[in-house]
């Protein structure tokens, strides 16, 4: 069964948020500012992708 683009974007966005948050926490724990910044950036991209999926769902895609 083929999944809708909106559902796929929301799921991938959630995965990016979790992965980014994990990186940010690991960076903070190890005092690695670069890893922490990369994690926060990935988390923001995940939130953006989730929003794209939500808007696609509202449009019916």
Protein backbone atom coordinates (compact mmCIF):
# COMPACT_ATOMS: atom_id res chain seq x y z
CA UNK A 1 0.00 0.00 0.00
CA UNK A 2 1.34 3.39 -0.98
CA UNK A 3 1.46 6.05 1.74
CA UNK A 4 0.44 9.60 1.08
CA UNK A 5 3.12 12.24 0.72
CA UNK A 6 1.69 14.17 3.66
CA UNK A 7 1.89 11.17 5.98
CA UNK A 8 5.41 10.39 4.80
CA UNK A 9 6.54 13.98 5.41
CA UNK A 10 5.03 14.02 8.88
CA UNK A 11 6.69 10.72 9.82
CA UNK A 12 10.08 11.73 8.45
CA UNK A 13 9.78 15.09 10.16
CA UNK A 14 9.10 13.42 13.50
CA UNK A 15 12.12 11.17 13.00
CA UNK A 16 14.32 14.19 12.26
CA UNK A 17 13.05 15.99 15.37
CA UNK A 18 13.88 13.01 17.58
CA UNK A 19 17.28 12.48 15.96
CA UNK A 20 18.12 16.18 16.19
CA UNK A 21 17.05 16.42 19.82
CA UNK A 22 19.21 13.38 20.63
CA UNK A 23 22.22 14.99 18.94
CA UNK A 24 21.64 18.28 20.75
CA UNK A 25 21.44 16.55 24.13
CA UNK A 26 24.57 14.49 23.39
CA UNK A 27 26.40 17.64 22.30
CA UNK A 28 25.40 19.45 25.48
CA UNK A 29 26.40 16.50 27.65
CA UNK A 30 29.84 16.20 26.03
CA UNK A 31 30.34 19.97 25.73
CA UNK A 32 30.52 19.61 21.94
CA UNK A 33 29.01 22.84 20.67
CA UNK A 34 29.18 21.81 17.01
CA UNK A 35 27.21 18.60 17.61
CA UNK A 36 24.70 20.51 19.69
CA UNK A 37 24.22 23.11 16.94
CA UNK A 38 23.85 20.44 14.26
CA UNK A 39 21.26 18.70 16.41
CA UNK A 40 19.23 21.85 16.91
CA UNK A 41 19.36 22.58 13.17
CA UNK A 42 18.18 19.06 12.34
CA UNK A 43 15.40 19.39 14.90
CA UNK A 44 14.21 22.62 13.26
CA UNK A 45 14.27 20.98 9.82
CA UNK A 46 12.18 18.14 11.20
CA UNK A 47 9.61 20.56 12.59
CA UNK A 48 9.47 22.30 9.23
CA UNK A 49 8.95 19.00 7.41
CA UNK A 50 6.16 18.07 9.83
CA UNK A 51 4.46 21.38 9.04
CA UNK A 52 4.78 20.73 5.31
CA UNK A 53 3.10 17.36 5.82
CA UNK A 54 0.32 18.90 7.89
CA UNK A 55 -0.36 21.51 5.21
CA UNK A 56 -0.34 18.87 2.49
CA UNK A 57 -2.82 16.84 4.51
CA UNK A 58 -5.09 19.88 4.86
CA UNK A 59 -4.99 20.32 1.08
CA UNK A 60 -5.77 16.66 0.53
CA UNK A 61 -2.43 15.33 -0.69
